[in-house]
Amino acid sequence: MSEHPTDFVGSVDDAIKASIRGVLPDAITAVSGGGGHYRITVVSAGFAGKGMLERQRLVLGSIRHLINGDRAPVHAVDSLETNTP
């Protein structure tokens, strides 16, 4: 896995999880990866009645601040699974 230059200090995994919980408080989130590339799985009752794209937009919107910018810690979300319990 290649390195992705970032100025971020701390755990990117924890930042992703906390950001998602800010929008979906009941979310059970698994994050794996590194080097700017991450795989995210989120299980939340908040997804009920929402289509796949709406679910993905909700999650990606919650971590937008970790994706935007030249030196952001998240370069790509290679896999995003969104499920209801």
PDB file of N, CA and C in Angstrom:
ATOM      1  N   MET A   1       0.849  -1.171   0.000  1.00  0.00           N
ATOM      2  CA  MET A   1       0.000   0.000   0.000  1.00  0.00           C
ATOM      3  C   MET A   1       0.898   1.237   0.000  1.00  0.00           C
ATOM      4  N   SER A   2       0.592   2.160  -0.842  1.00  0.00           N
ATOM      5  CA  SER A   2       1.397   3.378  -0.939  1.00  0.00           C
ATOM      6  C   SER A   2       1.039   4.350   0.179  1.00  0.00           C
ATOM      7  N   GLU A   3       1.962   5.213   0.472  1.00  0.00           N
ATOM      8  CA  GLU A   3       1.715   6.243   1.476  1.00  0.00           C
ATOM      9  C   GLU A   3       1.037   7.440   0.820  1.00  0.00           C
ATOM     10  N   HIS A   4       0.162   8.046   1.559  1.00  0.00           N
ATOM     11  CA  HIS A   4      -0.563   9.231   1.104  1.00  0.00           C
ATOM     12  C   HIS A   4      -0.148  10.381   2.016  1.00  0.00           C
ATOM     13  N   PRO A   5       0.471  11.436   1.482  1.00  0.00           N
ATOM     14  CA  PRO A   5       0.922  12.537   2.340  1.00  0.00           C
ATOM     15  C   PRO A   5      -0.259  13.284   2.970  1.00  0.00           C
ATOM     16  N   THR A   6      -0.178  13.459   4.281  1.00  0.00           N
ATOM     17  CA  THR A   6      -1.239  14.152   4.995  1.00  0.00           C
ATOM     18  C   THR A   6      -0.665  14.897   6.184  1.00  0.00           C
ATOM     19  N   ASP A   7      -1.372  15.917   6.603  1.00  0.00           N
ATOM     20  CA  ASP A   7      -0.992  16.671   7.791  1.00  0.00           C
ATOM     21  C   ASP A   7      -1.823  16.223   9.001  1.00  0.00           C
ATOM     22  N   PHE A   8      -2.698  15.267   8.790  1.00  0.00           N
ATOM     23  CA  PHE A   8      -3.597  14.807   9.840  1.00  0.00           C
ATOM     24  C   PHE A   8      -2.800  14.164  10.967  1.00  0.00           C
ATOM     25  N   VAL A   9      -3.184  14.495  12.197  1.00  0.00           N
ATOM     26  CA  VAL A   9      -2.544  13.909  13.373  1.00  0.00           C
ATOM     27  C   VAL A   9      -3.604  13.120  14.128  1.00  0.00           C
ATOM     28  N   GLY A  10      -3.300  11.879  14.456  1.00  0.00           N
ATOM     29  CA  GLY A  10      -4.247  11.052  15.193  1.00  0.00           C
ATOM     30  C   GLY A  10      -4.640   9.840  14.382  1.00  0.00           C
ATOM     31  N   SER A  11      -5.634   9.140  14.861  1.00  0.00           N
ATOM     32  CA  SER A  11      -6.120   7.927  14.213  1.00  0.00           C
ATOM     33  C   SER A  11      -7.183   8.280  13.170  1.00  0.00           C
ATOM     34  N   VAL A  12      -6.884   7.991  11.928  1.00  0.00           N
ATOM     35  CA  VAL A  12      -7.853   8.244  10.859  1.00  0.00           C
ATOM     36  C   VAL A  12      -9.071   7.344  11.058  1.00  0.00           C
ATOM     37  N   ASP A  13      -8.844   6.080  11.436  1.00  0.00           N
ATOM     38  CA  ASP A  13      -9.952   5.157  11.673  1.00  0.00           C
ATOM     39  C   ASP A  13     -10.915   5.726  12.715  1.00  0.00           C
ATOM     40  N   ASP A  14     -10.375   6.217  13.835  1.00  0.00           N
ATOM     41  CA  ASP A  14     -11.218   6.778  14.889  1.00  0.00           C
ATOM     42  C   ASP A  14     -11.937   8.034  14.418  1.00  0.00           C
ATOM     43  N   ALA A  15     -11.275   8.856  13.619  1.00  0.00           N
ATOM     44  CA  ALA A  15     -11.899  10.077  13.094  1.00  0.00           C
ATOM     45  C   ALA A  15     -13.063   9.733  12.164  1.00  0.00           C
ATOM     46  N   ILE A  16     -12.883   8.710  11.338  1.00  0.00           N
ATOM     47  CA  ILE A  16     -13.959   8.269  10.440  1.00  0.00           C
ATOM     48  C   ILE A  16     -15.144   7.785  11.259  1.00  0.00           C
ATOM     49  N   LYS A  17     -14.886   6.912  12.235  1.00  0.00           N
ATOM     50  CA  LYS A  17     -15.967   6.366  13.066  1.00  0.00           C
ATOM     51  C   LYS A  17     -16.713   7.471  13.816  1.00  0.00           C
ATOM     52  N   ALA A  18     -15.979   8.401  14.407  1.00  0.00           N
ATOM     53  CA  ALA A  18     -16.605   9.486  15.159  1.00  0.00           C
ATOM     54  C   ALA A  18     -17.448  10.375  14.252  1.00  0.00           C
ATOM     55  N   SER A  19     -16.970  10.642  13.058  1.00  0.00           N
ATOM     56  CA  SER A  19     -17.706  11.493  12.119  1.00  0.00           C
ATOM     57  C   SER A  19     -19.003  10.828  11.682  1.00  0.00           C
ATOM     58  N   ILE A  20     -18.953   9.520  11.447  1.00  0.00           N
ATOM     59  CA  ILE A  20     -20.157   8.793  11.049  1.00  0.00           C
ATOM     60  C   ILE A  20     -21.153   8.760  12.206  1.00  0.00           C
ATOM     61  N   ARG A  21     -20.667   8.538  13.433  1.00  0.00           N
ATOM     62  CA  ARG A  21     -21.557   8.536  14.605  1.00  0.00           C
ATOM     63  C   ARG A  21     -22.176   9.910  14.842  1.00  0.00           C
ATOM     64  N   GLY A  22     -21.535  10.960  14.358  1.00  0.00           N
ATOM     65  CA  GLY A  22     -22.114  12.290  14.481  1.00  0.00           C
ATOM     66  C   GLY A  22     -23.395  12.436  13.683  1.00  0.00           C
ATOM     67  N   VAL A  23     -23.537  11.662  12.625  1.00  0.00           N
ATOM     68  CA  VAL A  23     -24.724  11.698  11.773  1.00  0.00           C
ATOM     69  C   VAL A  23     -25.656  10.525  12.069  1.00  0.00           C
ATOM     70  N   LEU A  24     -25.063   9.385  12.407  1.00  0.00           N
ATOM     71  CA  LEU A  24     -25.819   8.166  12.707  1.00  0.00           C
ATOM     72  C   LEU A  24     -25.371   7.665  14.083  1.00  0.00           C
ATOM     73  N   PRO A  25     -25.950   8.192  15.164  1.00  0.00           N
ATOM     74  CA  PRO A  25     -25.468   7.875  16.516  1.00  0.00           C
ATOM     75  C   PRO A  25     -25.455   6.389  16.871  1.00  0.00           C
ATOM     76  N   ASP A  26     -26.333   5.598  16.253  1.00  0.00           N
ATOM     77  CA  ASP A  26     -26.392   4.168  16.571  1.00  0.00           C
ATOM     78  C   ASP A  26     -25.458   3.329  15.692  1.00  0.00           C
ATOM     79  N   ALA A  27     -24.690   3.968  14.845  1.00  0.00           N
ATOM     80  CA  ALA A  27     -23.882   3.261  13.848  1.00  0.00           C
ATOM     81  C   ALA A  27     -22.841   2.339  14.482  1.00  0.00           C
ATOM     82  N   ILE A  28     -22.792   1.144  13.942  1.00  0.00           N
ATOM     83  CA  ILE A  28     -21.703   0.210  14.229  1.00  0.00           C
ATOM     84  C   ILE A  28     -20.829   0.271  12.988  1.00  0.00           C
ATOM     85  N   THR A  29     -19.604   0.733  13.158  1.00  0.00           N
ATOM     86  CA  THR A  29     -18.748   1.030  12.015  1.00  0.00           C
ATOM     87  C   THR A  29     -17.450   0.251  12.088  1.00  0.00           C
ATOM     88  N   ALA A  30     -17.068  -0.361  10.970  1.00  0.00           N
ATOM     89  CA  ALA A  30     -15.774  -1.033  10.846  1.00  0.00           C
ATOM     90  C   ALA A  30     -14.991  -0.304   9.761  1.00  0.00           C
ATOM     91  N   VAL A  31     -13.753   0.024  10.077  1.00  0.00           N
ATOM     92  CA  VAL A  31     -12.886   0.734   9.137  1.00  0.00           C
ATOM     93  C   VAL A  31     -11.578  -0.037   9.016  1.00  0.00           C
ATOM     94  N   SER A  32     -11.130  -0.248   7.794  1.00  0.00           N
ATOM     95  CA  SER A  32      -9.830  -0.876   7.577  1.00  0.00           C
ATOM     96  C   SER A  32      -9.144  -0.179   6.421  1.00  0.00           C
ATOM     97  N   GLY A  33      -7.839  -0.372   6.353  1.00  0.00           N
ATOM     98  CA  GLY A  33      -7.065   0.231   5.275  1.00  0.00           C
ATOM     99  C   GLY A  33      -5.969   1.107   5.829  1.00  0.00           C
ATOM    100  N   GLY A  34      -5.468   1.972   4.982  1.00  0.00           N
ATOM    101  CA  GLY A  34      -4.389   2.868   5.346  1.00  0.00           C
ATOM    102  C   GLY A  34      -3.780   3.448   4.089  1.00  0.00           C
ATOM    103  N   GLY A  35      -2.797   4.292   4.256  1.00  0.00           N
ATOM    104  CA  GLY A  35      -2.164   4.904   3.103  1.00  0.00           C
ATOM    105  C   GLY A  35      -3.114   5.753   2.291  1.00  0.00           C
ATOM    106  N   GLY A  36      -4.183   6.235   2.939  1.00  0.00           N
ATOM    107  CA  GLY A  36      -5.157   7.067   2.247  1.00  0.00           C
ATOM    108  C   GLY A  36      -6.332   6.308   1.668  1.00  0.00           C
ATOM    109  N   HIS A  37      -6.256   4.970   1.621  1.00  0.00           N
ATOM    110  CA  HIS A  37      -7.315   4.138   1.045  1.00  0.00           C
ATOM    111  C   HIS A  37      -8.005   3.352   2.157  1.00  0.00           C
ATOM    112  N   TYR A  38      -9.332   3.472   2.226  1.00  0.00           N
ATOM    113  CA  TYR A  38     -10.074   2.861   3.320  1.00  0.00           C
ATOM    114  C   TYR A  38     -11.275   2.077   2.824  1.00  0.00           C
ATOM    115  N   ARG A  39     -11.624   1.051   3.615  1.00  0.00           N
ATOM    116  CA  ARG A  39     -12.829   0.260   3.421  1.00  0.00           C
ATOM    117  C   ARG A  39     -13.694   0.478   4.658  1.00  0.00           C
ATOM    118  N   ILE A  40     -14.955   0.826   4.438  1.00  0.00           N
ATOM    119  CA  ILE A  40     -15.846   1.182   5.535  1.00  0.00           C
ATOM    120  C   ILE A  40     -17.127   0.357   5.446  1.00  0.00           C
ATOM    121  N   THR A  41     -17.530  -0.199   6.592  1.00  0.00           N
ATOM    122  CA  THR A  41     -18.811  -0.885   6.701  1.00  0.00           C
ATOM    123  C   THR A  41     -19.582  -0.229   7.832  1.00  0.00           C
ATOM    124  N   VAL A  42     -20.820   0.148   7.553  1.00  0.00           N
ATOM    125  CA  VAL A  42     -21.655   0.819   8.557  1.00  0.00           C
ATOM    126  C   VAL A  42     -22.986   0.084   8.647  1.00  0.00           C
ATOM    127  N   VAL A  43     -23.391  -0.223   9.887  1.00  0.00           N
ATOM    128  CA  VAL A  43     -24.702  -0.807  10.152  1.00  0.00           C
ATOM    129  C   VAL A  43     -25.453   0.179  11.028  1.00  0.00           C
ATOM    130  N   SER A  44     -26.635   0.601  10.563  1.00  0.00           N
ATOM    131  CA  SER A  44     -27.416   1.582  11.312  1.00  0.00           C
ATOM    132  C   SER A  44     -28.899   1.467  10.965  1.00  0.00           C
ATOM    133  N   ALA A  45     -29.723   1.616  11.990  1.00  0.00           N
ATOM    134  CA  ALA A  45     -31.174   1.671  11.763  1.00  0.00           C
ATOM    135  C   ALA A  45     -31.538   2.939  10.991  1.00  0.00           C
ATOM    136  N   GLY A  46     -30.654   3.934  11.024  1.00  0.00           N
ATOM    137  CA  GLY A  46     -30.887   5.178  10.306  1.00  0.00           C
ATOM    138  C   GLY A  46     -30.942   5.016   8.793  1.00  0.00           C
ATOM    139  N   PHE A  47     -30.513   3.871   8.304  1.00  0.00           N
ATOM    140  CA  PHE A  47     -30.566   3.598   6.862  1.00  0.00           C
ATOM    141  C   PHE A  47     -31.925   3.063   6.409  1.00  0.00           C
ATOM    142  N   ALA A  48     -32.787   2.715   7.349  1.00  0.00           N
ATOM    143  CA  ALA A  48     -34.085   2.130   7.004  1.00  0.00           C
ATOM    144  C   ALA A  48     -34.850   3.057   6.066  1.00  0.00           C
ATOM    145  N   GLY A  49     -35.366   2.489   5.000  1.00  0.00           N
ATOM    146  CA  GLY A  49     -36.159   3.241   4.032  1.00  0.00           C
ATOM    147  C   GLY A  49     -35.345   4.063   3.053  1.00  0.00           C
ATOM    148  N   LYS A  50     -34.024   4.011   3.149  1.00  0.00           N
ATOM    149  CA  LYS A  50     -33.165   4.773   2.240  1.00  0.00           C
ATOM    150  C   LYS A  50     -32.559   3.836   1.200  1.00  0.00           C
ATOM    151  N   GLY A  51     -32.400   4.327  -0.010  1.00  0.00           N
ATOM    152  CA  GLY A  51     -31.761   3.564  -1.069  1.00  0.00           C
ATOM    153  C   GLY A  51     -30.247   3.561  -0.902  1.00  0.00           C
ATOM    154  N   MET A  52     -29.577   2.739  -1.678  1.00  0.00           N
ATOM    155  CA  MET A  52     -28.137   2.594  -1.589  1.00  0.00           C
ATOM    156  C   MET A  52     -27.398   3.921  -1.773  1.00  0.00           C
ATOM    157  N   LEU A  53     -27.761   4.696  -2.784  1.00  0.00           N
ATOM    158  CA  LEU A  53     -27.074   5.959  -3.025  1.00  0.00           C
ATOM    159  C   LEU A  53     -27.291   6.953  -1.894  1.00  0.00           C
ATOM    160  N   GLU A  54     -28.485   7.015  -1.358  1.00  0.00           N
ATOM    161  CA  GLU A  54     -28.765   7.924  -0.245  1.00  0.00           C
ATOM    162  C   GLU A  54     -27.957   7.532   0.993  1.00  0.00           C
ATOM    163  N   ARG A  55     -27.842   6.227   1.238  1.00  0.00           N
ATOM    164  CA  ARG A  55     -27.032   5.737   2.358  1.00  0.00           C
ATOM    165  C   ARG A  55     -25.572   6.128   2.173  1.00  0.00           C
ATOM    166  N   GLN A  56     -25.055   5.898   0.972  1.00  0.00           N
ATOM    167  CA  GLN A  56     -23.645   6.201   0.706  1.00  0.00           C
ATOM    168  C   GLN A  56     -23.377   7.706   0.789  1.00  0.00           C
ATOM    169  N   ARG A  57     -24.292   8.512   0.289  1.00  0.00           N
ATOM    170  CA  ARG A  57     -24.131   9.970   0.366  1.00  0.00           C
ATOM    171  C   ARG A  57     -24.122  10.441   1.823  1.00  0.00           C
ATOM    172  N   LEU A  58     -24.944   9.822   2.636  1.00  0.00           N
ATOM    173  CA  LEU A  58     -25.004  10.170   4.046  1.00  0.00           C
ATOM    174  C   LEU A  58     -23.656   9.901   4.725  1.00  0.00           C
ATOM    175  N   VAL A  59     -23.088   8.728   4.477  1.00  0.00           N
ATOM    176  CA  VAL A  59     -21.808   8.369   5.083  1.00  0.00           C
ATOM    177  C   VAL A  59     -20.683   9.234   4.518  1.00  0.00           C
ATOM    178  N   LEU A  60     -20.614   9.342   3.207  1.00  0.00           N
ATOM    179  CA  LEU A  60     -19.536  10.130   2.601  1.00  0.00           C
ATOM    180  C   LEU A  60     -19.638  11.606   2.983  1.00  0.00           C
ATOM    181  N   GLY A  61     -20.849  12.109   3.117  1.00  0.00           N
ATOM    182  CA  GLY A  61     -21.022  13.487   3.556  1.00  0.00           C
ATOM    183  C   GLY A  61     -20.512  13.702   4.972  1.00  0.00           C
ATOM    184  N   SER A  62     -20.654  12.686   5.807  1.00  0.00           N
ATOM    185  CA  SER A  62     -20.211  12.816   7.191  1.00  0.00           C
ATOM    186  C   SER A  62     -18.692  12.842   7.322  1.00  0.00           C
ATOM    187  N   ILE A  63     -17.983  12.281   6.331  1.00  0.00           N
ATOM    188  CA  ILE A  63     -16.508  12.273   6.386  1.00  0.00           C
ATOM    189  C   ILE A  63     -15.886  13.197   5.334  1.00  0.00           C
ATOM    190  N   ARG A  64     -16.702  14.031   4.730  1.00  0.00           N
ATOM    191  CA  ARG A  64     -16.228  14.933   3.676  1.00  0.00           C
ATOM    192  C   ARG A  64     -14.999  15.725   4.108  1.00  0.00           C
ATOM    193  N   HIS A  65     -15.003  16.201   5.352  1.00  0.00           N
ATOM    194  CA  HIS A  65     -13.865  16.997   5.855  1.00  0.00           C
ATOM    195  C   HIS A  65     -12.573  16.186   5.926  1.00  0.00           C
ATOM    196  N   LEU A  66     -12.684  14.857   5.930  1.00  0.00           N
ATOM    197  CA  LEU A  66     -11.498  13.994   5.946  1.00  0.00           C
ATOM    198  C   LEU A  66     -11.053  13.616   4.532  1.00  0.00           C
ATOM    199  N   ILE A  67     -11.875  13.950   3.547  1.00  0.00           N
ATOM    200  CA  ILE A  67     -11.592  13.606   2.145  1.00  0.00           C
ATOM    201  C   ILE A  67     -11.120  14.824   1.356  1.00  0.00           C
ATOM    202  N   ASN A  68     -11.734  15.978   1.595  1.00  0.00           N
ATOM    203  CA  ASN A  68     -11.445  17.175   0.803  1.00  0.00           C
ATOM    204  C   ASN A  68     -10.085  17.780   1.136  1.00  0.00           C
ATOM    205  N   GLY A  69      -9.405  18.258   0.120  1.00  0.00           N
ATOM    206  CA  GLY A  69      -8.127  18.931   0.302  1.00  0.00           C
ATOM    207  C   GLY A  69      -6.962  18.088  -0.200  1.00  0.00           C
ATOM    208  N   ASP A  70      -5.882  18.755  -0.539  1.00  0.00           N
ATOM    209  CA  ASP A  70      -4.710  18.079  -1.093  1.00  0.00           C
ATOM    210  C   ASP A  70      -4.033  17.140  -0.106  1.00  0.00           C
ATOM    211  N   ARG A  71      -4.074  17.465   1.174  1.00  0.00           N
ATOM    212  CA  ARG A  71      -3.375  16.656   2.171  1.00  0.00           C
ATOM    213  C   ARG A  71      -4.342  16.018   3.171  1.00  0.00           C
ATOM    214  N   ALA A  72      -5.566  15.790   2.710  1.00  0.00           N
ATOM    215  CA  ALA A  72      -6.571  15.139   3.552  1.00  0.00           C
ATOM    216  C   ALA A  72      -6.141  13.703   3.842  1.00  0.00           C
ATOM    217  N   PRO A  73      -6.507  13.156   5.005  1.00  0.00           N
ATOM    218  CA  PRO A  73      -6.059  11.808   5.353  1.00  0.00           C
ATOM    219  C   PRO A  73      -6.716  10.691   4.543  1.00  0.00           C
ATOM    220  N   VAL A  74      -7.900  10.944   3.997  1.00  0.00           N
ATOM    221  CA  VAL A  74      -8.593   9.929   3.199  1.00  0.00           C
ATOM    222  C   VAL A  74      -8.507  10.327   1.730  1.00  0.00           C
ATOM    223  N   HIS A  75      -7.788   9.524   0.975  1.00  0.00           N
ATOM    224  CA  HIS A  75      -7.645   9.770  -0.464  1.00  0.00           C
ATOM    225  C   HIS A  75      -8.779   9.088  -1.224  1.00  0.00           C
ATOM    226  N   ALA A  76      -9.176   7.897  -0.760  1.00  0.00           N
ATOM    227  CA  ALA A  76     -10.236   7.141  -1.448  1.00  0.00           C
ATOM    228  C   ALA A  76     -10.931   6.204  -0.482  1.00  0.00           C
ATOM    229  N   VAL A  77     -12.226   6.036  -0.695  1.00  0.00           N
ATOM    230  CA  VAL A  77     -12.994   4.994  -0.009  1.00  0.00           C
ATOM    231  C   VAL A  77     -13.173   3.908  -1.063  1.00  0.00           C
ATOM    232  N   ASP A  78     -12.362   2.858  -0.926  1.00  0.00           N
ATOM    233  CA  ASP A  78     -12.360   1.794  -1.930  1.00  0.00           C
ATOM    234  C   ASP A  78     -13.578   0.900  -1.846  1.00  0.00           C
ATOM    235  N   SER A  79     -14.166   0.800  -0.674  1.00  0.00           N
ATOM    236  CA  SER A  79     -15.352  -0.026  -0.477  1.00  0.00           C
ATOM    237  C   SER A  79     -16.198   0.600   0.610  1.00  0.00           C
ATOM    238  N   LEU A  80     -17.505   0.696   0.354  1.00  0.00           N
ATOM    239  CA  LEU A  80     -18.427   1.244   1.343  1.00  0.00           C
ATOM    240  C   LEU A  80     -19.666   0.384   1.368  1.00  0.00           C
ATOM    241  N   GLU A  81     -19.879  -0.281   2.517  1.00  0.00           N
ATOM    242  CA  GLU A  81     -21.070  -1.108   2.717  1.00  0.00           C
ATOM    243  C   GLU A  81     -21.952  -0.419   3.739  1.00  0.00           C
ATOM    244  N   THR A  82     -23.241  -0.321   3.431  1.00  0.00           N
ATOM    245  CA  THR A  82     -24.192   0.299   4.340  1.00  0.00           C
ATOM    246  C   THR A  82     -25.365  -0.667   4.520  1.00  0.00           C
ATOM    247  N   ASN A  83     -25.581  -1.072   5.750  1.00  0.00           N
ATOM    248  CA  ASN A  83     -26.605  -2.082   6.034  1.00  0.00           C
ATOM    249  C   ASN A  83     -27.481  -1.654   7.207  1.00  0.00           C
ATOM    250  N   THR A  84     -28.698  -2.197   7.251  1.00  0.00           N
ATOM    251  CA  THR A  84     -29.557  -2.037   8.414  1.00  0.00           C
ATOM    252  C   THR A  84     -29.350  -3.253   9.320  1.00  0.00           C
ATOM    253  N   PRO A  85     -29.606  -3.078  10.615  1.00  0.00           N
ATOM    254  CA  PRO A  85     -29.437  -4.209  11.548  1.00  0.00           C
ATOM    255  C   PRO A  85     -30.423  -5.327  11.274  1.00  0.00           C
TER     256      PRO A  85
END
